[in-house]
Amino acid sequence: MSQPEDLTAVHRRIDELVQRVADLERTVGRLNEAVPAAPSRPAPKDRPEVVTIPDAPYNAALWTDSDDEGLGLRDRRAP
């Protein structure tokens, strides 16, 4: 195909696309009119309790006898 023929084909496809989008918008508009509006959902009454995390450092005793994840035991070399 030559360039003018390609441009004509592209313009034709764009026109078809615009027409189909307009048809779709009309169909959606009719469907929205036919379907009753769904009732709005009430706000949740039970909200989870907010937990405040202190900025103070953790107690070092919490980490005794723990392994460094992915590095192996503390007294051994990493793989």
PDB file of N, CA and C in Angstrom:
ATOM      1  N   MET A   1       0.838  -1.192   0.000  1.00  0.00           N
ATOM      2  CA  MET A   1       0.000   0.000   0.000  1.00  0.00           C
ATOM      3  C   MET A   1       0.875   1.245   0.000  1.00  0.00           C
ATOM      4  N   SER A   2       0.364   2.259  -0.639  1.00  0.00           N
ATOM      5  CA  SER A   2       1.097   3.522  -0.644  1.00  0.00           C
ATOM      6  C   SER A   2       0.719   4.331   0.597  1.00  0.00           C
ATOM      7  N   GLN A   3       1.471   5.347   0.844  1.00  0.00           N
ATOM      8  CA  GLN A   3       1.241   6.170   2.034  1.00  0.00           C
ATOM      9  C   GLN A   3      -0.140   6.825   2.035  1.00  0.00           C
ATOM     10  N   PRO A   4      -0.632   7.401   0.923  1.00  0.00           N
ATOM     11  CA  PRO A   4      -1.984   7.978   0.948  1.00  0.00           C
ATOM     12  C   PRO A   4      -3.061   6.933   1.223  1.00  0.00           C
ATOM     13  N   GLU A   5      -2.887   5.720   0.687  1.00  0.00           N
ATOM     14  CA  GLU A   5      -3.853   4.659   0.957  1.00  0.00           C
ATOM     15  C   GLU A   5      -3.823   4.257   2.424  1.00  0.00           C
ATOM     16  N   ASP A   6      -2.609   4.196   3.000  1.00  0.00           N
ATOM     17  CA  ASP A   6      -2.482   3.867   4.423  1.00  0.00           C
ATOM     18  C   ASP A   6      -3.166   4.926   5.285  1.00  0.00           C
ATOM     19  N   LEU A   7      -2.961   6.195   4.945  1.00  0.00           N
ATOM     20  CA  LEU A   7      -3.585   7.276   5.714  1.00  0.00           C
ATOM     21  C   LEU A   7      -5.103   7.210   5.612  1.00  0.00           C
ATOM     22  N   THR A   8      -5.606   6.909   4.423  1.00  0.00           N
ATOM     23  CA  THR A   8      -7.053   6.790   4.243  1.00  0.00           C
ATOM     24  C   THR A   8      -7.598   5.641   5.086  1.00  0.00           C
ATOM     25  N   ALA A   9      -6.896   4.521   5.111  1.00  0.00           N
ATOM     26  CA  ALA A   9      -7.328   3.375   5.916  1.00  0.00           C
ATOM     27  C   ALA A   9      -7.305   3.714   7.400  1.00  0.00           C
ATOM     28  N   VAL A  10      -6.285   4.426   7.836  1.00  0.00           N
ATOM     29  CA  VAL A  10      -6.192   4.818   9.252  1.00  0.00           C
ATOM     30  C   VAL A  10      -7.335   5.751   9.612  1.00  0.00           C
ATOM     31  N   HIS A  11      -7.634   6.722   8.759  1.00  0.00           N
ATOM     32  CA  HIS A  11      -8.741   7.647   9.016  1.00  0.00           C
ATOM     33  C   HIS A  11     -10.077   6.900   9.081  1.00  0.00           C
ATOM     34  N   ARG A  12     -10.250   5.935   8.201  1.00  0.00           N
ATOM     35  CA  ARG A  12     -11.479   5.145   8.199  1.00  0.00           C
ATOM     36  C   ARG A  12     -11.608   4.363   9.508  1.00  0.00           C
ATOM     37  N   ARG A  13     -10.511   3.766   9.958  1.00  0.00           N
ATOM     38  CA  ARG A  13     -10.523   3.009  11.221  1.00  0.00           C
ATOM     39  C   ARG A  13     -10.802   3.919  12.415  1.00  0.00           C
ATOM     40  N   ILE A  14     -10.235   5.106  12.400  1.00  0.00           N
ATOM     41  CA  ILE A  14     -10.480   6.061  13.496  1.00  0.00           C
ATOM     42  C   ILE A  14     -11.943   6.458  13.513  1.00  0.00           C
ATOM     43  N   ASP A  15     -12.521   6.701  12.340  1.00  0.00           N
ATOM     44  CA  ASP A  15     -13.948   7.045  12.276  1.00  0.00           C
ATOM     45  C   ASP A  15     -14.812   5.909  12.811  1.00  0.00           C
ATOM     46  N   GLU A  16     -14.454   4.665  12.458  1.00  0.00           N
ATOM     47  CA  GLU A  16     -15.185   3.505  12.974  1.00  0.00           C
ATOM     48  C   GLU A  16     -15.061   3.415  14.483  1.00  0.00           C
ATOM     49  N   LEU A  17     -13.874   3.667  14.987  1.00  0.00           N
ATOM     50  CA  LEU A  17     -13.649   3.619  16.429  1.00  0.00           C
ATOM     51  C   LEU A  17     -14.472   4.678  17.148  1.00  0.00           C
ATOM     52  N   VAL A  18     -14.489   5.884  16.615  1.00  0.00           N
ATOM     53  CA  VAL A  18     -15.267   6.961  17.225  1.00  0.00           C
ATOM     54  C   VAL A  18     -16.748   6.595  17.244  1.00  0.00           C
ATOM     55  N   GLN A  19     -17.239   6.003  16.154  1.00  0.00           N
ATOM     56  CA  GLN A  19     -18.644   5.610  16.088  1.00  0.00           C
ATOM     57  C   GLN A  19     -18.957   4.514  17.100  1.00  0.00           C
ATOM     58  N   ARG A  20     -18.074   3.541  17.233  1.00  0.00           N
ATOM     59  CA  ARG A  20     -18.309   2.454  18.192  1.00  0.00           C
ATOM     60  C   ARG A  20     -18.251   2.952  19.631  1.00  0.00           C
ATOM     61  N   VAL A  21     -17.365   3.888  19.920  1.00  0.00           N
ATOM     62  CA  VAL A  21     -17.307   4.459  21.272  1.00  0.00           C
ATOM     63  C   VAL A  21     -18.592   5.215  21.570  1.00  0.00           C
ATOM     64  N   ALA A  22     -19.105   5.954  20.595  1.00  0.00           N
ATOM     65  CA  ALA A  22     -20.364   6.672  20.789  1.00  0.00           C
ATOM     66  C   ALA A  22     -21.510   5.687  21.023  1.00  0.00           C
ATOM     67  N   ASP A  23     -21.542   4.585  20.268  1.00  0.00           N
ATOM     68  CA  ASP A  23     -22.565   3.560  20.469  1.00  0.00           C
ATOM     69  C   ASP A  23     -22.456   2.961  21.872  1.00  0.00           C
ATOM     70  N   LEU A  24     -21.251   2.698  22.297  1.00  0.00           N
ATOM     71  CA  LEU A  24     -21.030   2.132  23.626  1.00  0.00           C
ATOM     72  C   LEU A  24     -21.481   3.100  24.715  1.00  0.00           C
ATOM     73  N   GLU A  25     -21.181   4.385  24.563  1.00  0.00           N
ATOM     74  CA  GLU A  25     -21.609   5.376  25.549  1.00  0.00           C
ATOM     75  C   GLU A  25     -23.125   5.434  25.638  1.00  0.00           C
ATOM     76  N   ARG A  26     -23.812   5.355  24.489  1.00  0.00           N
ATOM     77  CA  ARG A  26     -25.277   5.361  24.502  1.00  0.00           C
ATOM     78  C   ARG A  26     -25.821   4.116  25.204  1.00  0.00           C
ATOM     79  N   THR A  27     -25.216   2.964  24.921  1.00  0.00           N
ATOM     80  CA  THR A  27     -25.654   1.715  25.550  1.00  0.00           C
ATOM     81  C   THR A  27     -25.461   1.773  27.058  1.00  0.00           C
ATOM     82  N   VAL A  28     -24.315   2.258  27.501  1.00  0.00           N
ATOM     83  CA  VAL A  28     -24.051   2.369  28.941  1.00  0.00           C
ATOM     84  C   VAL A  28     -25.028   3.350  29.585  1.00  0.00           C
ATOM     85  N   GLY A  29     -25.327   4.436  28.894  1.00  0.00           N
ATOM     86  CA  GLY A  29     -26.291   5.397  29.419  1.00  0.00           C
ATOM     87  C   GLY A  29     -27.660   4.768  29.600  1.00  0.00           C
ATOM     88  N   ARG A  30     -28.098   3.967  28.634  1.00  0.00           N
ATOM     89  CA  ARG A  30     -29.401   3.294  28.752  1.00  0.00           C
ATOM     90  C   ARG A  30     -29.380   2.281  29.882  1.00  0.00           C
ATOM     91  N   LEU A  31     -28.283   1.553  30.027  1.00  0.00           N
ATOM     92  CA  LEU A  31     -28.188   0.573  31.108  1.00  0.00           C
ATOM     93  C   LEU A  31     -28.213   1.260  32.471  1.00  0.00           C
ATOM     94  N   ASN A  32     -27.543   2.384  32.585  1.00  0.00           N
ATOM     95  CA  ASN A  32     -27.539   3.107  33.862  1.00  0.00           C
ATOM     96  C   ASN A  32     -28.929   3.607  34.213  1.00  0.00           C
ATOM     97  N   GLU A  33     -29.707   3.988  33.210  1.00  0.00           N
ATOM     98  CA  GLU A  33     -31.071   4.442  33.470  1.00  0.00           C
ATOM     99  C   GLU A  33     -31.966   3.278  33.852  1.00  0.00           C
ATOM    100  N   ALA A  34     -31.727   2.094  33.293  1.00  0.00           N
ATOM    101  CA  ALA A  34     -32.582   0.936  33.539  1.00  0.00           C
ATOM    102  C   ALA A  34     -32.313   0.285  34.888  1.00  0.00           C
ATOM    103  N   VAL A  35     -31.084   0.350  35.360  1.00  0.00           N
ATOM    104  CA  VAL A  35     -30.711  -0.301  36.618  1.00  0.00           C
ATOM    105  C   VAL A  35     -30.871   0.701  37.752  1.00  0.00           C
ATOM    106  N   PRO A  36     -31.615   0.322  38.812  1.00  0.00           N
ATOM    107  CA  PRO A  36     -31.738   1.256  39.938  1.00  0.00           C
ATOM    108  C   PRO A  36     -30.389   1.451  40.626  1.00  0.00           C
ATOM    109  N   ALA A  37     -30.211   2.613  41.158  1.00  0.00           N
ATOM    110  CA  ALA A  37     -28.955   2.939  41.837  1.00  0.00           C
ATOM    111  C   ALA A  37     -28.802   2.076  43.077  1.00  0.00           C
ATOM    112  N   ALA A  38     -27.624   1.551  43.260  1.00  0.00           N
ATOM    113  CA  ALA A  38     -27.341   0.736  44.433  1.00  0.00           C
ATOM    114  C   ALA A  38     -27.260   1.628  45.657  1.00  0.00           C
ATOM    115  N   PRO A  39     -27.779   1.161  46.792  1.00  0.00           N
ATOM    116  CA  PRO A  39     -27.677   1.975  48.001  1.00  0.00           C
ATOM    117  C   PRO A  39     -26.221   2.129  48.411  1.00  0.00           C
ATOM    118  N   SER A  40     -25.910   3.285  48.931  1.00  0.00           N
ATOM    119  CA  SER A  40     -24.531   3.519  49.351  1.00  0.00           C
ATOM    120  C   SER A  40     -24.229   2.665  50.574  1.00  0.00           C
ATOM    121  N   ARG A  41     -22.992   2.253  50.661  1.00  0.00           N
ATOM    122  CA  ARG A  41     -22.588   1.401  51.776  1.00  0.00           C
ATOM    123  C   ARG A  41     -22.374   2.248  53.018  1.00  0.00           C
ATOM    124  N   PRO A  42     -22.873   1.776  54.148  1.00  0.00           N
ATOM    125  CA  PRO A  42     -22.634   2.528  55.383  1.00  0.00           C
ATOM    126  C   PRO A  42     -21.168   2.433  55.790  1.00  0.00           C
ATOM    127  N   ALA A  43     -20.723   3.446  56.473  1.00  0.00           N
ATOM    128  CA  ALA A  43     -19.340   3.460  56.951  1.00  0.00           C
ATOM    129  C   ALA A  43     -19.169   2.376  58.009  1.00  0.00           C
ATOM    130  N   PRO A  44     -18.017   1.713  58.023  1.00  0.00           N
ATOM    131  CA  PRO A  44     -17.813   0.680  59.045  1.00  0.00           C
ATOM    132  C   PRO A  44     -17.810   1.296  60.437  1.00  0.00           C
ATOM    133  N   LYS A  45     -18.515   0.649  61.320  1.00  0.00           N
ATOM    134  CA  LYS A  45     -18.641   1.179  62.684  1.00  0.00           C
ATOM    135  C   LYS A  45     -17.503   0.713  63.574  1.00  0.00           C
ATOM    136  N   ASP A  46     -17.044  -0.500  63.322  1.00  0.00           N
ATOM    137  CA  ASP A  46     -15.974  -1.047  64.147  1.00  0.00           C
ATOM    138  C   ASP A  46     -14.643  -0.852  63.431  1.00  0.00           C
ATOM    139  N   ARG A  47     -13.888   0.080  63.908  1.00  0.00           N
ATOM    140  CA  ARG A  47     -12.562   0.310  63.340  1.00  0.00           C
ATOM    141  C   ARG A  47     -11.531  -0.380  64.217  1.00  0.00           C
ATOM    142  N   PRO A  48     -10.492  -0.908  63.615  1.00  0.00           N
ATOM    143  CA  PRO A  48      -9.465  -1.554  64.436  1.00  0.00           C
ATOM    144  C   PRO A  48      -8.769  -0.522  65.326  1.00  0.00           C
ATOM    145  N   GLU A  49      -8.352  -0.997  66.460  1.00  0.00           N
ATOM    146  CA  GLU A  49      -7.669  -0.124  67.422  1.00  0.00           C
ATOM    147  C   GLU A  49      -6.306   0.270  66.872  1.00  0.00           C
ATOM    148  N   VAL A  50      -5.954   1.516  67.005  1.00  0.00           N
ATOM    149  CA  VAL A  50      -4.667   2.007  66.542  1.00  0.00           C
ATOM    150  C   VAL A  50      -3.616   1.670  67.587  1.00  0.00           C
ATOM    151  N   VAL A  51      -2.538   1.049  67.132  1.00  0.00           N
ATOM    152  CA  VAL A  51      -1.464   0.667  68.036  1.00  0.00           C
ATOM    153  C   VAL A  51      -0.320   1.653  67.847  1.00  0.00           C
ATOM    154  N   THR A  52       0.103   2.279  68.928  1.00  0.00           N
ATOM    155  CA  THR A  52       1.208   3.229  68.873  1.00  0.00           C
ATOM    156  C   THR A  52       2.507   2.489  69.176  1.00  0.00           C
ATOM    157  N   ILE A  53       3.492   2.654  68.310  1.00  0.00           N
ATOM    158  CA  ILE A  53       4.782   2.011  68.503  1.00  0.00           C
ATOM    159  C   ILE A  53       5.739   3.063  69.043  1.00  0.00           C
ATOM    160  N   PRO A  54       6.339   2.819  70.209  1.00  0.00           N
ATOM    161  CA  PRO A  54       7.220   3.823  70.809  1.00  0.00           C
ATOM    162  C   PRO A  54       8.509   3.990  70.004  1.00  0.00           C
ATOM    163  N   ASP A  55       9.105   5.172  70.118  1.00  0.00           N
ATOM    164  CA  ASP A  55      10.366   5.458  69.439  1.00  0.00           C
ATOM    165  C   ASP A  55      11.575   4.954  70.215  1.00  0.00           C
ATOM    166  N   ALA A  56      11.367   4.536  71.451  1.00  0.00           N
ATOM    167  CA  ALA A  56      12.473   4.061  72.285  1.00  0.00           C
ATOM    168  C   ALA A  56      13.043   2.775  71.691  1.00  0.00           C
ATOM    169  N   PRO A  57      14.345   2.553  71.818  1.00  0.00           N
ATOM    170  CA  PRO A  57      14.930   1.325  71.271  1.00  0.00           C
ATOM    171  C   PRO A  57      14.404   0.090  72.019  1.00  0.00           C
ATOM    172  N   TYR A  58      14.368  -1.022  71.306  1.00  0.00           N
ATOM    173  CA  TYR A  58      13.919  -2.269  71.917  1.00  0.00           C
ATOM    174  C   TYR A  58      14.948  -2.751  72.927  1.00  0.00           C
ATOM    175  N   ASN A  59      14.497  -3.545  73.858  1.00  0.00           N
ATOM    176  CA  ASN A  59      15.360  -4.154  74.851  1.00  0.00           C
ATOM    177  C   ASN A  59      16.264  -5.159  74.132  1.00  0.00           C
ATOM    178  N   ALA A  60      17.564  -5.058  74.311  1.00  0.00           N
ATOM    179  CA  ALA A  60      18.519  -5.941  73.643  1.00  0.00           C
ATOM    180  C   ALA A  60      18.331  -7.399  74.053  1.00  0.00           C
ATOM    181  N   ALA A  61      17.748  -7.647  75.215  1.00  0.00           N
ATOM    182  CA  ALA A  61      17.532  -9.010  75.671  1.00  0.00           C
ATOM    183  C   ALA A  61      16.537  -9.747  74.764  1.00  0.00           C
ATOM    184  N   LEU A  62      15.728  -9.000  74.026  1.00  0.00           N
ATOM    185  CA  LEU A  62      14.785  -9.641  73.115  1.00  0.00           C
ATOM    186  C   LEU A  62      15.507 -10.379  71.994  1.00  0.00           C
ATOM    187  N   TRP A  63      16.732  -9.961  71.675  1.00  0.00           N
ATOM    188  CA  TRP A  63      17.430 -10.503  70.527  1.00  0.00           C
ATOM    189  C   TRP A  63      18.511 -11.506  70.899  1.00  0.00           C
ATOM    190  N   THR A  64      18.665 -11.824  72.167  1.00  0.00           N
ATOM    191  CA  THR A  64      19.678 -12.814  72.542  1.00  0.00           C
ATOM    192  C   THR A  64      19.249 -14.182  72.028  1.00  0.00           C
ATOM    193  N   ASP A  65      20.195 -14.990  71.670  1.00  0.00           N
ATOM    194  CA  ASP A  65      19.977 -16.339  71.142  1.00  0.00           C
ATOM    195  C   ASP A  65      19.197 -16.334  69.830  1.00  0.00           C
ATOM    196  N   SER A  66      19.256 -15.266  69.100  1.00  0.00           N
ATOM    197  CA  SER A  66      18.582 -15.235  67.802  1.00  0.00           C
ATOM    198  C   SER A  66      19.621 -15.331  66.692  1.00  0.00           C
ATOM    199  N   ASP A  67      19.212 -15.877  65.589  1.00  0.00           N
ATOM    200  CA  ASP A  67      20.105 -15.976  64.433  1.00  0.00           C
ATOM    201  C   ASP A  67      19.901 -14.757  63.548  1.00  0.00           C
ATOM    202  N   ASP A  68      20.973 -14.327  62.911  1.00  0.00           N
ATOM    203  CA  ASP A  68      20.835 -13.272  61.911  1.00  0.00           C
ATOM    204  C   ASP A  68      20.275 -13.920  60.659  1.00  0.00           C
ATOM    205  N   GLU A  69      19.098 -13.508  60.298  1.00  0.00           N
ATOM    206  CA  GLU A  69      18.394 -14.154  59.202  1.00  0.00           C
ATOM    207  C   GLU A  69      19.207 -14.071  57.915  1.00  0.00           C
ATOM    208  N   GLY A  70      19.466 -15.226  57.332  1.00  0.00           N
ATOM    209  CA  GLY A  70      20.208 -15.289  56.090  1.00  0.00           C
ATOM    210  C   GLY A  70      21.708 -15.311  56.260  1.00  0.00           C
ATOM    211  N   LEU A  71      22.199 -15.043  57.459  1.00  0.00           N
ATOM    212  CA  LEU A  71      23.654 -15.006  57.681  1.00  0.00           C
ATOM    213  C   LEU A  71      24.141 -16.156  58.550  1.00  0.00           C
ATOM    214  N   GLY A  72      23.258 -16.943  59.071  1.00  0.00           N
ATOM    215  CA  GLY A  72      23.660 -18.054  59.909  1.00  0.00           C
ATOM    216  C   GLY A  72      23.805 -17.630  61.365  1.00  0.00           C
ATOM    217  N   LEU A  73      24.437 -18.498  62.153  1.00  0.00           N
ATOM    218  CA  LEU A  73      24.589 -18.226  63.575  1.00  0.00           C
ATOM    219  C   LEU A  73      25.647 -17.151  63.802  1.00  0.00           C
ATOM    220  N   ARG A  74      25.582 -16.476  64.931  1.00  0.00           N
ATOM    221  CA  ARG A  74      26.484 -15.369  65.214  1.00  0.00           C
ATOM    222  C   ARG A  74      27.946 -15.799  65.365  1.00  0.00           C
ATOM    223  N   ASP A  75      28.170 -16.973  65.899  1.00  0.00           N
ATOM    224  CA  ASP A  75      29.543 -17.386  66.147  1.00  0.00           C
ATOM    225  C   ASP A  75      30.142 -18.168  64.980  1.00  0.00           C
ATOM    226  N   ARG A  76      29.451 -18.221  63.854  1.00  0.00           N
ATOM    227  CA  ARG A  76      29.946 -18.922  62.675  1.00  0.00           C
ATOM    228  C   ARG A  76      30.025 -17.945  61.495  1.00  0.00           C
ATOM    229  N   ARG A  77      30.797 -18.361  60.488  1.00  0.00           N
ATOM    230  CA  ARG A  77      30.926 -17.525  59.312  1.00  0.00           C
ATOM    231  C   ARG A  77      29.694 -17.669  58.430  1.00  0.00           C
ATOM    232  N   ALA A  78      29.457 -16.644  57.661  1.00  0.00           N
ATOM    233  CA  ALA A  78      28.363 -16.701  56.696  1.00  0.00           C
ATOM    234  C   ALA A  78      28.762 -17.626  55.560  1.00  0.00           C
ATOM    235  N   PRO A  79      27.799 -18.261  54.928  1.00  0.00           N
ATOM    236  CA  PRO A  79      28.137 -19.205  53.849  1.00  0.00           C
ATOM    237  C   PRO A  79      28.824 -18.540  52.689  1.00  0.00           C
TER     238      PRO A  79
END
